[in-house]
Amino acid sequence: MTVDDAGRMAEDLPEVTEGERHGTLSWSVAGKAFAWERPFSKADVKRFGDITAPEGPILAVRVENLDEKGALLAANQKGFFTIAHFELPTSTATRPS
């Protein structure tokens, strides 16, 4: 799945609008973003330490709660991960392929 694929899926949902957030694509309902492109910052890359950071576009996705986030990450589906910046209860990230 690419960022464009994810965008098409998002736009098929009711009341979704595509916009821009910090210079990158985002998808919102009633002005609240639920998915957005988010490149790694230098600080993010540094936090990976000796582990190579995933390459390519990153799509951040807001989930309902910590249980949903935990279940999503526990499923070990290719591309889903979290980073320190997303340790907020309802954020995770995925690397579209």
C-alpha atoms as a PDB file:
ATOM      1  CA  MET A   1       0.000   0.000   0.000  1.00  0.00           C
ATOM      2  CA  THR A   2       1.234   3.469  -0.857  1.00  0.00           C
ATOM      3  CA  VAL A   3       0.365   6.836   0.675  1.00  0.00           C
ATOM      4  CA  ASP A   4      -1.793   7.438  -2.407  1.00  0.00           C
ATOM      5  CA  ASP A   5      -3.629   4.133  -1.790  1.00  0.00           C
ATOM      6  CA  ALA A   6      -4.231   5.127   1.830  1.00  0.00           C
ATOM      7  CA  GLY A   7      -5.473   8.525   0.684  1.00  0.00           C
ATOM      8  CA  ARG A   8      -7.955   6.958  -1.726  1.00  0.00           C
ATOM      9  CA  MET A   9      -9.207   4.664   1.048  1.00  0.00           C
ATOM     10  CA  ALA A  10      -9.556   7.611   3.430  1.00  0.00           C
ATOM     11  CA  GLU A  11     -11.424   9.684   0.873  1.00  0.00           C
ATOM     12  CA  ASP A  12     -13.965   6.864   0.443  1.00  0.00           C
ATOM     13  CA  LEU A  13     -14.996   7.357   4.082  1.00  0.00           C
ATOM     14  CA  PRO A  14     -17.885   9.723   4.831  1.00  0.00           C
ATOM     15  CA  GLU A  15     -17.114  13.396   5.479  1.00  0.00           C
ATOM     16  CA  VAL A  16     -13.350  13.022   4.932  1.00  0.00           C
ATOM     17  CA  THR A  17     -11.419  15.912   3.488  1.00  0.00           C
ATOM     18  CA  GLU A  18      -7.848  15.832   2.227  1.00  0.00           C
ATOM     19  CA  GLY A  19      -5.691  18.741   3.227  1.00  0.00           C
ATOM     20  CA  GLU A  20      -2.228  19.783   4.216  1.00  0.00           C
ATOM     21  CA  ARG A  21      -0.645  19.640   7.665  1.00  0.00           C
ATOM     22  CA  HIS A  22       2.858  21.022   8.181  1.00  0.00           C
ATOM     23  CA  GLY A  23       3.432  20.841   4.423  1.00  0.00           C
ATOM     24  CA  THR A  24       2.354  17.202   4.009  1.00  0.00           C
ATOM     25  CA  LEU A  25      -0.892  15.432   3.140  1.00  0.00           C
ATOM     26  CA  SER A  26      -3.493  14.829   5.835  1.00  0.00           C
ATOM     27  CA  TRP A  27      -7.006  13.412   6.039  1.00  0.00           C
ATOM     28  CA  SER A  28      -9.568  14.840   8.441  1.00  0.00           C
ATOM     29  CA  VAL A  29     -13.173  14.645   9.564  1.00  0.00           C
ATOM     30  CA  ALA A  30     -14.736  17.839  10.929  1.00  0.00           C
ATOM     31  CA  GLY A  31     -11.298  19.480  11.023  1.00  0.00           C
ATOM     32  CA  LYS A  32      -9.655  16.719  13.095  1.00  0.00           C
ATOM     33  CA  ALA A  33      -6.857  14.797  11.347  1.00  0.00           C
ATOM     34  CA  PHE A  34      -6.945  11.013  11.642  1.00  0.00           C
ATOM     35  CA  ALA A  35      -4.110  10.235   9.207  1.00  0.00           C
ATOM     36  CA  TRP A  36      -1.198  12.287   7.916  1.00  0.00           C
ATOM     37  CA  GLU A  37       2.164  11.958   6.244  1.00  0.00           C
ATOM     38  CA  ARG A  38       4.952  12.568   8.714  1.00  0.00           C
ATOM     39  CA  PRO A  39       8.607  12.328   7.782  1.00  0.00           C
ATOM     40  CA  PHE A  40      11.072  11.414  10.508  1.00  0.00           C
ATOM     41  CA  SER A  41      12.725  14.388  12.168  1.00  0.00           C
ATOM     42  CA  LYS A  42      16.441  14.347  12.966  1.00  0.00           C
ATOM     43  CA  ALA A  43      15.498  13.674  16.598  1.00  0.00           C
ATOM     44  CA  ASP A  44      13.356  10.688  15.543  1.00  0.00           C
ATOM     45  CA  VAL A  45      16.224   9.186  13.554  1.00  0.00           C
ATOM     46  CA  LYS A  46      18.615   9.741  16.474  1.00  0.00           C
ATOM     47  CA  ARG A  47      16.240   7.866  18.835  1.00  0.00           C
ATOM     48  CA  PHE A  48      16.559   4.752  16.669  1.00  0.00           C
ATOM     49  CA  GLY A  49      20.172   4.544  17.856  1.00  0.00           C
ATOM     50  CA  ASP A  50      21.955   1.597  16.272  1.00  0.00           C
ATOM     51  CA  ILE A  51      18.775   0.358  14.593  1.00  0.00           C
ATOM     52  CA  THR A  52      18.233   1.596  11.054  1.00  0.00           C
ATOM     53  CA  ALA A  53      15.115   3.752  10.812  1.00  0.00           C
ATOM     54  CA  PRO A  54      12.508   2.577   8.302  1.00  0.00           C
ATOM     55  CA  GLU A  55      12.916   4.225   4.920  1.00  0.00           C
ATOM     56  CA  GLY A  56      10.263   5.741   2.738  1.00  0.00           C
ATOM     57  CA  PRO A  57       7.105   7.676   3.485  1.00  0.00           C
ATOM     58  CA  ILE A  58       5.563   7.447   6.941  1.00  0.00           C
ATOM     59  CA  LEU A  59       1.840   7.682   7.519  1.00  0.00           C
ATOM     60  CA  ALA A  60       0.745   8.522  11.060  1.00  0.00           C
ATOM     61  CA  VAL A  61      -2.674   7.198  12.058  1.00  0.00           C
ATOM     62  CA  ARG A  62      -4.811   8.197  15.029  1.00  0.00           C
ATOM     63  CA  VAL A  63      -6.519   5.261  16.753  1.00  0.00           C
ATOM     64  CA  GLU A  64      -9.345   5.248  19.293  1.00  0.00           C
ATOM     65  CA  ASN A  65      -7.430   4.290  22.455  1.00  0.00           C
ATOM     66  CA  LEU A  66      -4.386   2.534  23.930  1.00  0.00           C
ATOM     67  CA  ASP A  67      -6.045  -0.884  23.659  1.00  0.00           C
ATOM     68  CA  GLU A  68      -6.589  -0.429  19.940  1.00  0.00           C
ATOM     69  CA  LYS A  69      -3.019   0.832  19.506  1.00  0.00           C
ATOM     70  CA  GLY A  70      -1.668  -2.134  21.467  1.00  0.00           C
ATOM     71  CA  ALA A  71      -3.711  -4.613  19.444  1.00  0.00           C
ATOM     72  CA  LEU A  72      -2.581  -3.069  16.178  1.00  0.00           C
ATOM     73  CA  LEU A  73       1.080  -3.227  17.175  1.00  0.00           C
ATOM     74  CA  ALA A  74       0.744  -6.721  18.715  1.00  0.00           C
ATOM     75  CA  ALA A  75      -0.601  -8.071  15.419  1.00  0.00           C
ATOM     76  CA  ASN A  76       2.925  -7.585  14.002  1.00  0.00           C
ATOM     77  CA  GLN A  77       1.585  -6.587  10.612  1.00  0.00           C
ATOM     78  CA  LYS A  78       4.303  -5.482   8.238  1.00  0.00           C
ATOM     79  CA  GLY A  79       4.877  -1.753   8.330  1.00  0.00           C
ATOM     80  CA  PHE A  80       3.191  -0.838  11.642  1.00  0.00           C
ATOM     81  CA  PHE A  81       5.386   0.552  14.393  1.00  0.00           C
ATOM     82  CA  THR A  82       5.589   3.314  16.954  1.00  0.00           C
ATOM     83  CA  ILE A  83       8.281   5.766  17.960  1.00  0.00           C
ATOM     84  CA  ALA A  84       8.857   7.912  21.033  1.00  0.00           C
ATOM     85  CA  HIS A  85       7.103  10.869  19.390  1.00  0.00           C
ATOM     86  CA  PHE A  86       3.961   8.728  19.050  1.00  0.00           C
ATOM     87  CA  GLU A  87       3.855   7.585  22.646  1.00  0.00           C
ATOM     88  CA  LEU A  88       0.747   9.709  22.972  1.00  0.00           C
ATOM     89  CA  PRO A  89      -2.081   7.302  23.695  1.00  0.00           C
ATOM     90  CA  THR A  90      -3.722   7.374  20.291  1.00  0.00           C
ATOM     91  CA  SER A  91      -0.997   7.724  17.669  1.00  0.00           C
ATOM     92  CA  THR A  92       0.884   5.115  15.719  1.00  0.00           C
ATOM     93  CA  ALA A  93       2.692   5.068  12.405  1.00  0.00           C
ATOM     94  CA  THR A  94       2.908   2.860   9.384  1.00  0.00           C
ATOM     95  CA  ARG A  95       5.318   2.721   6.487  1.00  0.00           C
ATOM     96  CA  PRO A  96       3.333   2.240   3.285  1.00  0.00           C
ATOM     97  CA  SER A  97       5.090  -0.118   0.898  1.00  0.00           C
END
